Each structure stands twice: as structure tokens, then as C-alpha cells.
Amino acid sequence: MVDPTRRILIFGGTFDPPHRAHVELPALVAERLDCDRIIYIPAAQSPLKDDAPRSSEVHRVAMLELAIRDLPQAEISTIELDRGGTSYFIDTVTELGRELGHDAELCFLIGADQVLEFQRWKDWREILERVTPVVMLRPPWTRETFEDALRREYGDDEAAQWMAWLVDTPRRDISATDIRRRLARGEPVDDLLDPVVLGYLRTH
């Protein structure tokens, strides 16, 4: 039986910039699942997104370090940035599994929108054999609309499994894309970003 103190939460993304939901929600999920570590993994380039991150790797990591500075259980892995190129999650979980050892139970945080595209991920079934998804809803999804979409995408049995992986969290309607647009228009983002991260953005 896996020691619950070895349960680790993985959270990947571009973090361009890292906002309040990037910090608050993983911390909440980690507490509920008794995870003693949260590993943030900045992506180099998503295979499902045509646009590369707008900020450099150095700045994204620096902003993320500032954003999670008060989360003692959180750390950053540059495994995908070091590898470079397109970030395939199967490669990441394989490497992390070797690095963390067989006694570590890996969970990975994934949003509802990504779940509905998960069959497009490279070796997606193998990913599910290696790590356990933890699914978060965000607006406009509700449990009912998400379950309906899952049934259309996966069928009843697999939809039920994905729903079992769903964790209830506050539904924060925040996106890094929206933050960049607001900043470009000179609109306030104080409620969306840590003030220290915002200060870094304005400086750099």
C-alpha cells in the first residue's frame, strides 16, 4: 500500500503569468488529497497549442517562484524546459517516475477543458496507468454539463471514471490570456495577480 505521505500532486502549465488560481487551487487540492508535495512544471511548448508562451522561460520560472513563495510544500521542476521542444506529458511522467521512485503516488491536476481533449494527448492511456488525474471544473462548466460532454466524448463507462476523479474546488474564472489582454489595455489586474508577481511584470 502506498504511504500517503508519498502522494505528490503535479501541476503543469505555461504560467504566463502565474495567477492567484494557480496557487490557491493546487494548495486546496493537495490538502484534500493529503499530498505532501506540489510540483509545478512549466511547459516549453504544448503540442495542442499553436502559440508559444510569450514570456521567456527565465521570466516564467521567476514569476512562478514568486507566486508560490508562501507554499512550503510547493516546488518547481524545469524538467520540460530542460528537455526543450514540444512538451509531451507521457515523457514527463516517465521521467518523474524514475526520479521520484516507485513508492510515490503521482496525481496530476487537469482542467475540464483539457479532459475533453485528453484523447488527443500522446499515449493518453499509458498516462492514466502511471498517474491519477484530479479534475477541476472552471466556468462555464457545471457538474451536469461536464458529465454530458464526457459521455459524448468517451461513452458512459469512461465518463463515470472521469467524474470519479472530479474534485470540488471554487470555480475561479481566471486565465493568463485574459490577464495579458487586460495588461495590454492598461486595465487593473490586482484581484487576479499576487502584487509581487505584478510588480515583477511591470519591472520586466
C-alpha atoms as a PDB file:
ATOM      1  CA  MET A   1       0.000   0.000   0.000  1.00  0.00           C
ATOM      2  CA  VAL A   2       1.329   3.429  -0.933  1.00  0.00           C
ATOM      3  CA  ASP A   3       2.342   5.586   2.004  1.00  0.00           C
ATOM      4  CA  PRO A   4       0.029   8.636   1.819  1.00  0.00           C
ATOM      5  CA  THR A   5       2.937  10.875   2.747  1.00  0.00           C
ATOM      6  CA  ARG A   6       4.386   9.941  -0.648  1.00  0.00           C
ATOM      7  CA  ARG A   7       1.400  11.241  -2.606  1.00  0.00           C
ATOM      8  CA  ILE A   8       2.570  14.030  -4.911  1.00  0.00           C
ATOM      9  CA  LEU A   9       0.490  16.488  -6.903  1.00  0.00           C
ATOM     10  CA  ILE A  10       1.779  17.513 -10.341  1.00  0.00           C
ATOM     11  CA  PHE A  11       0.569  20.720 -11.940  1.00  0.00           C
ATOM     12  CA  GLY A  12       1.736  21.746 -15.408  1.00  0.00           C
ATOM     13  CA  GLY A  13       1.102  24.836 -17.497  1.00  0.00           C
ATOM     14  CA  THR A  14       2.721  27.773 -19.221  1.00  0.00           C
ATOM     15  CA  PHE A  15       2.236  30.061 -16.183  1.00  0.00           C
ATOM     16  CA  ASP A  16       2.473  33.154 -18.350  1.00  0.00           C
ATOM     17  CA  PRO A  17       1.807  34.755 -15.910  1.00  0.00           C
ATOM     18  CA  PRO A  18       1.048  32.611 -12.845  1.00  0.00           C
ATOM     19  CA  HIS A  19      -2.148  33.958 -11.261  1.00  0.00           C
ATOM     20  CA  ARG A  20      -3.956  33.518  -7.967  1.00  0.00           C
ATOM     21  CA  ALA A  21      -5.883  30.403  -9.052  1.00  0.00           C
ATOM     22  CA  HIS A  22      -2.578  28.735  -9.999  1.00  0.00           C
ATOM     23  CA  VAL A  23      -1.597  28.996  -6.331  1.00  0.00           C
ATOM     24  CA  GLU A  24      -4.844  28.721  -4.390  1.00  0.00           C
ATOM     25  CA  LEU A  25      -6.443  25.742  -6.127  1.00  0.00           C
ATOM     26  CA  PRO A  26      -3.465  23.316  -6.124  1.00  0.00           C
ATOM     27  CA  ALA A  27      -2.893  24.086  -2.439  1.00  0.00           C
ATOM     28  CA  LEU A  28      -6.540  23.297  -1.689  1.00  0.00           C
ATOM     29  CA  VAL A  29      -6.457  20.070  -3.711  1.00  0.00           C
ATOM     30  CA  ALA A  30      -3.187  18.959  -2.122  1.00  0.00           C
ATOM     31  CA  GLU A  31      -4.698  19.424   1.335  1.00  0.00           C
ATOM     32  CA  ARG A  32      -7.805  17.415   0.453  1.00  0.00           C
ATOM     33  CA  LEU A  33      -5.796  14.565  -1.068  1.00  0.00           C
ATOM     34  CA  ASP A  34      -3.120  14.529   1.648  1.00  0.00           C
ATOM     35  CA  CYS A  35      -0.356  15.341  -0.830  1.00  0.00           C
ATOM     36  CA  ASP A  36       2.836  16.399   0.876  1.00  0.00           C
ATOM     37  CA  ARG A  37       4.350  17.956  -2.249  1.00  0.00           C
ATOM     38  CA  ILE A  38       3.127  20.033  -5.179  1.00  0.00           C
ATOM     39  CA  ILE A  39       5.390  20.006  -8.210  1.00  0.00           C
ATOM     40  CA  TYR A  40       4.789  22.819 -10.684  1.00  0.00           C
ATOM     41  CA  ILE A  41       6.026  22.037 -14.193  1.00  0.00           C
ATOM     42  CA  PRO A  42       6.320  24.984 -16.604  1.00  0.00           C
ATOM     43  CA  ALA A  43       5.805  23.750 -20.159  1.00  0.00           C
ATOM     44  CA  ALA A  44       8.119  24.521 -23.041  1.00  0.00           C
ATOM     45  CA  GLN A  45       5.517  24.177 -25.821  1.00  0.00           C
ATOM     46  CA  SER A  46       2.175  22.409 -25.753  1.00  0.00           C
ATOM     47  CA  PRO A  47       1.584  20.041 -28.696  1.00  0.00           C
ATOM     48  CA  LEU A  48      -2.089  21.141 -28.734  1.00  0.00           C
ATOM     49  CA  LYS A  49      -1.459  24.887 -28.828  1.00  0.00           C
ATOM     50  CA  ASP A  50      -0.016  26.741 -31.787  1.00  0.00           C
ATOM     51  CA  ASP A  51       1.095  29.767 -29.797  1.00  0.00           C
ATOM     52  CA  ALA A  52       4.294  29.528 -27.777  1.00  0.00           C
ATOM     53  CA  PRO A  53       4.495  31.211 -24.368  1.00  0.00           C
ATOM     54  CA  ARG A  54       5.018  34.953 -24.800  1.00  0.00           C
ATOM     55  CA  SER A  55       7.415  35.353 -21.894  1.00  0.00           C
ATOM     56  CA  SER A  56      10.842  33.755 -21.751  1.00  0.00           C
ATOM     57  CA  GLU A  57      11.469  30.646 -19.688  1.00  0.00           C
ATOM     58  CA  VAL A  58      13.585  32.667 -17.269  1.00  0.00           C
ATOM     59  CA  HIS A  59      10.776  35.133 -16.577  1.00  0.00           C
ATOM     60  CA  ARG A  60       8.079  32.468 -16.297  1.00  0.00           C
ATOM     61  CA  VAL A  61      10.092  30.499 -13.752  1.00  0.00           C
ATOM     62  CA  ALA A  62      10.982  33.661 -11.843  1.00  0.00           C
ATOM     63  CA  MET A  63       7.319  34.724 -11.663  1.00  0.00           C
ATOM     64  CA  LEU A  64       6.286  31.238 -10.575  1.00  0.00           C
ATOM     65  CA  GLU A  65       8.915  31.234  -7.828  1.00  0.00           C
ATOM     66  CA  LEU A  66       7.451  34.478  -6.527  1.00  0.00           C
ATOM     67  CA  ALA A  67       3.869  33.233  -6.804  1.00  0.00           C
ATOM     68  CA  ILE A  68       4.461  30.081  -4.728  1.00  0.00           C
ATOM     69  CA  ARG A  69       6.912  31.603  -2.242  1.00  0.00           C
ATOM     70  CA  ASP A  70       4.484  31.123   0.663  1.00  0.00           C
ATOM     71  CA  LEU A  71       3.628  27.486  -0.170  1.00  0.00           C
ATOM     72  CA  PRO A  72       6.211  25.420   1.722  1.00  0.00           C
ATOM     73  CA  GLN A  73       5.099  22.181   0.053  1.00  0.00           C
ATOM     74  CA  ALA A  74       5.429  23.607  -3.473  1.00  0.00           C
ATOM     75  CA  GLU A  75       8.433  23.360  -5.755  1.00  0.00           C
ATOM     76  CA  ILE A  76       9.242  23.873  -9.420  1.00  0.00           C
ATOM     77  CA  SER A  77      10.574  21.243 -11.797  1.00  0.00           C
ATOM     78  CA  THR A  78      12.114  22.531 -15.033  1.00  0.00           C
ATOM     79  CA  ILE A  79      12.061  19.038 -16.486  1.00  0.00           C
ATOM     80  CA  GLU A  80      10.146  20.112 -19.623  1.00  0.00           C
ATOM     81  CA  LEU A  81      12.088  23.334 -20.118  1.00  0.00           C
ATOM     82  CA  ASP A  82      15.365  21.435 -19.794  1.00  0.00           C
ATOM     83  CA  ARG A  83      14.173  18.871 -22.325  1.00  0.00           C
ATOM     84  CA  GLY A  84      13.104  21.626 -24.722  1.00  0.00           C
ATOM     85  CA  GLY A  85      10.840  21.360 -27.740  1.00  0.00           C
ATOM     86  CA  THR A  86       7.279  20.106 -27.567  1.00  0.00           C
ATOM     87  CA  SER A  87       6.194  19.070 -24.068  1.00  0.00           C
ATOM     88  CA  TYR A  88       4.699  15.582 -24.171  1.00  0.00           C
ATOM     89  CA  PHE A  89       3.279  14.705 -20.766  1.00  0.00           C
ATOM     90  CA  ILE A  90       3.984  10.987 -21.151  1.00  0.00           C
ATOM     91  CA  ASP A  91       7.715  11.794 -21.321  1.00  0.00           C
ATOM     92  CA  THR A  92       7.407  13.962 -18.230  1.00  0.00           C
ATOM     93  CA  VAL A  93       5.597  11.387 -16.085  1.00  0.00           C
ATOM     94  CA  THR A  94       8.007   8.663 -17.205  1.00  0.00           C
ATOM     95  CA  GLU A  95      10.993  10.752 -16.168  1.00  0.00           C
ATOM     96  CA  LEU A  96       9.353  11.874 -12.928  1.00  0.00           C
ATOM     97  CA  GLY A  97       8.501   8.277 -12.067  1.00  0.00           C
ATOM     98  CA  ARG A  98      12.163   7.311 -12.340  1.00  0.00           C
ATOM     99  CA  GLU A  99      13.243  10.364 -10.368  1.00  0.00           C
ATOM    100  CA  LEU A 100      10.721  10.072  -7.516  1.00  0.00           C
ATOM    101  CA  GLY A 101      10.736   6.305  -7.112  1.00  0.00           C
ATOM    102  CA  HIS A 102       8.119   3.568  -7.204  1.00  0.00           C
ATOM    103  CA  ASP A 103       6.770   4.366  -3.745  1.00  0.00           C
ATOM    104  CA  ALA A 104       5.475   7.767  -4.898  1.00  0.00           C
ATOM    105  CA  GLU A 105       1.826   8.010  -5.928  1.00  0.00           C
ATOM    106  CA  LEU A 106       1.567  10.705  -8.592  1.00  0.00           C
ATOM    107  CA  CYS A 107      -1.612  12.726  -9.113  1.00  0.00           C
ATOM    108  CA  PHE A 108      -1.914  15.355 -11.782  1.00  0.00           C
ATOM    109  CA  LEU A 109      -4.199  18.346 -11.776  1.00  0.00           C
ATOM    110  CA  ILE A 110      -6.137  18.813 -15.007  1.00  0.00           C
ATOM    111  CA  GLY A 111      -8.892  21.203 -16.038  1.00  0.00           C
ATOM    112  CA  ALA A 112     -12.214  20.130 -17.520  1.00  0.00           C
ATOM    113  CA  ASP A 113     -11.390  21.560 -20.950  1.00  0.00           C
ATOM    114  CA  GLN A 114      -8.177  19.529 -21.097  1.00  0.00           C
ATOM    115  CA  VAL A 115     -10.021  16.369 -20.073  1.00  0.00           C
ATOM    116  CA  LEU A 116     -12.289  16.703 -23.094  1.00  0.00           C
ATOM    117  CA  GLU A 117      -9.187  16.859 -25.311  1.00  0.00           C
ATOM    118  CA  PHE A 118      -7.277  14.199 -23.417  1.00  0.00           C
ATOM    119  CA  GLN A 119      -7.684  11.570 -26.122  1.00  0.00           C
ATOM    120  CA  ARG A 120      -5.507  13.788 -28.308  1.00  0.00           C
ATOM    121  CA  TRP A 121      -2.615  13.571 -25.823  1.00  0.00           C
ATOM    122  CA  LYS A 122       0.229  11.301 -26.843  1.00  0.00           C
ATOM    123  CA  ASP A 123      -0.103   7.830 -25.232  1.00  0.00           C
ATOM    124  CA  TRP A 124      -3.009   9.031 -23.101  1.00  0.00           C
ATOM    125  CA  ARG A 125      -3.988   5.584 -21.861  1.00  0.00           C
ATOM    126  CA  GLU A 126      -0.443   4.927 -20.677  1.00  0.00           C
ATOM    127  CA  ILE A 127      -0.519   8.243 -18.804  1.00  0.00           C
ATOM    128  CA  LEU A 128      -3.590   7.030 -16.911  1.00  0.00           C
ATOM    129  CA  GLU A 129      -1.713   3.856 -15.956  1.00  0.00           C
ATOM    130  CA  ARG A 130       1.110   5.893 -14.438  1.00  0.00           C
ATOM    131  CA  VAL A 131      -0.645   8.821 -12.744  1.00  0.00           C
ATOM    132  CA  THR A 132      -4.092   9.588 -11.333  1.00  0.00           C
ATOM    133  CA  PRO A 133      -5.964  12.602 -12.728  1.00  0.00           C
ATOM    134  CA  VAL A 134      -7.519  15.159 -10.414  1.00  0.00           C
ATOM    135  CA  VAL A 135     -10.126  17.079 -12.396  1.00  0.00           C
ATOM    136  CA  MET A 136     -11.133  20.678 -11.718  1.00  0.00           C
ATOM    137  CA  LEU A 137     -14.123  22.496 -13.154  1.00  0.00           C
ATOM    138  CA  ARG A 138     -13.955  26.101 -14.260  1.00  0.00           C
ATOM    139  CA  PRO A 139     -16.672  28.331 -15.709  1.00  0.00           C
ATOM    140  CA  PRO A 140     -18.764  27.798 -17.743  1.00  0.00           C
ATOM    141  CA  TRP A 141     -18.748  24.093 -16.809  1.00  0.00           C
ATOM    142  CA  THR A 142     -21.041  22.636 -14.155  1.00  0.00           C
ATOM    143  CA  ARG A 143     -21.027  19.006 -12.997  1.00  0.00           C
ATOM    144  CA  GLU A 144     -24.063  18.323 -15.185  1.00  0.00           C
ATOM    145  CA  THR A 145     -22.803  19.938 -18.403  1.00  0.00           C
ATOM    146  CA  PHE A 146     -19.350  18.431 -17.931  1.00  0.00           C
ATOM    147  CA  GLU A 147     -20.753  14.927 -17.419  1.00  0.00           C
ATOM    148  CA  ASP A 148     -22.896  15.288 -20.552  1.00  0.00           C
ATOM    149  CA  ALA A 149     -19.830  16.339 -22.546  1.00  0.00           C
ATOM    150  CA  LEU A 150     -17.819  13.428 -21.131  1.00  0.00           C
ATOM    151  CA  ARG A 151     -20.483  10.931 -22.180  1.00  0.00           C
ATOM    152  CA  ARG A 152     -20.425  12.287 -25.732  1.00  0.00           C
ATOM    153  CA  GLU A 153     -16.629  12.171 -25.850  1.00  0.00           C
ATOM    154  CA  TYR A 154     -15.851   8.926 -24.001  1.00  0.00           C
ATOM    155  CA  GLY A 155     -19.038   6.906 -23.524  1.00  0.00           C
ATOM    156  CA  ASP A 156     -20.796   6.096 -20.270  1.00  0.00           C
ATOM    157  CA  ASP A 157     -18.188   3.919 -18.544  1.00  0.00           C
ATOM    158  CA  GLU A 158     -15.183   6.176 -19.062  1.00  0.00           C
ATOM    159  CA  ALA A 159     -17.284   9.258 -18.341  1.00  0.00           C
ATOM    160  CA  ALA A 160     -18.151   7.757 -14.958  1.00  0.00           C
ATOM    161  CA  GLN A 161     -14.455   7.199 -14.244  1.00  0.00           C
ATOM    162  CA  TRP A 162     -13.575  10.801 -15.092  1.00  0.00           C
ATOM    163  CA  MET A 163     -16.414  12.024 -12.870  1.00  0.00           C
ATOM    164  CA  ALA A 164     -14.967   9.927 -10.036  1.00  0.00           C
ATOM    165  CA  TRP A 165     -11.716  11.857 -10.459  1.00  0.00           C
ATOM    166  CA  LEU A 166     -13.511  15.207 -10.169  1.00  0.00           C
ATOM    167  CA  VAL A 167     -12.677  17.255  -7.066  1.00  0.00           C
ATOM    168  CA  ASP A 168     -14.876  20.097  -5.880  1.00  0.00           C
ATOM    169  CA  THR A 169     -12.980  23.390  -5.832  1.00  0.00           C
ATOM    170  CA  PRO A 170     -14.023  27.025  -6.050  1.00  0.00           C
ATOM    171  CA  ARG A 171     -14.610  27.778  -9.734  1.00  0.00           C
ATOM    172  CA  ARG A 172     -12.246  30.662 -10.446  1.00  0.00           C
ATOM    173  CA  ASP A 173     -12.757  32.252 -13.850  1.00  0.00           C
ATOM    174  CA  ILE A 174      -9.184  33.456 -14.320  1.00  0.00           C
ATOM    175  CA  SER A 175      -6.962  32.908 -17.336  1.00  0.00           C
ATOM    176  CA  ALA A 176      -3.460  34.076 -18.138  1.00  0.00           C
ATOM    177  CA  THR A 177      -4.679  35.052 -21.616  1.00  0.00           C
ATOM    178  CA  ASP A 178      -7.280  37.398 -20.117  1.00  0.00           C
ATOM    179  CA  ILE A 179      -4.662  38.865 -17.765  1.00  0.00           C
ATOM    180  CA  ARG A 180      -2.319  39.616 -20.692  1.00  0.00           C
ATOM    181  CA  ARG A 181      -5.159  41.299 -22.559  1.00  0.00           C
ATOM    182  CA  ARG A 182      -6.065  43.427 -19.553  1.00  0.00           C
ATOM    183  CA  LEU A 183      -2.455  44.444 -19.055  1.00  0.00           C
ATOM    184  CA  ALA A 184      -2.149  45.368 -22.732  1.00  0.00           C
ATOM    185  CA  ARG A 185      -5.240  47.586 -22.390  1.00  0.00           C
ATOM    186  CA  GLY A 186      -3.993  49.153 -19.176  1.00  0.00           C
ATOM    187  CA  GLU A 187      -6.807  47.620 -17.121  1.00  0.00           C
ATOM    188  CA  PRO A 188      -6.346  46.644 -13.445  1.00  0.00           C
ATOM    189  CA  VAL A 189      -5.422  43.045 -12.594  1.00  0.00           C
ATOM    190  CA  ASP A 190      -4.764  43.461  -8.876  1.00  0.00           C
ATOM    191  CA  ASP A 191      -7.501  40.989  -7.983  1.00  0.00           C
ATOM    192  CA  LEU A 192      -6.034  38.336 -10.287  1.00  0.00           C
ATOM    193  CA  LEU A 193      -2.294  38.507  -9.582  1.00  0.00           C
ATOM    194  CA  ASP A 194      -0.137  38.434  -6.490  1.00  0.00           C
ATOM    195  CA  PRO A 195       1.177  42.010  -6.048  1.00  0.00           C
ATOM    196  CA  VAL A 196       4.772  40.768  -6.047  1.00  0.00           C
ATOM    197  CA  VAL A 197       4.214  38.951  -9.354  1.00  0.00           C
ATOM    198  CA  LEU A 198       2.536  42.052 -10.754  1.00  0.00           C
ATOM    199  CA  GLY A 199       5.494  44.124  -9.649  1.00  0.00           C
ATOM    200  CA  TYR A 200       7.846  41.743 -11.451  1.00  0.00           C
ATOM    201  CA  LEU A 201       5.712  42.000 -14.586  1.00  0.00           C
ATOM    202  CA  ARG A 202       5.781  45.779 -14.541  1.00  0.00           C
ATOM    203  CA  THR A 203       9.530  45.813 -13.988  1.00  0.00           C
ATOM    204  CA  HIS A 204      10.429  43.285 -16.659  1.00  0.00           C
END
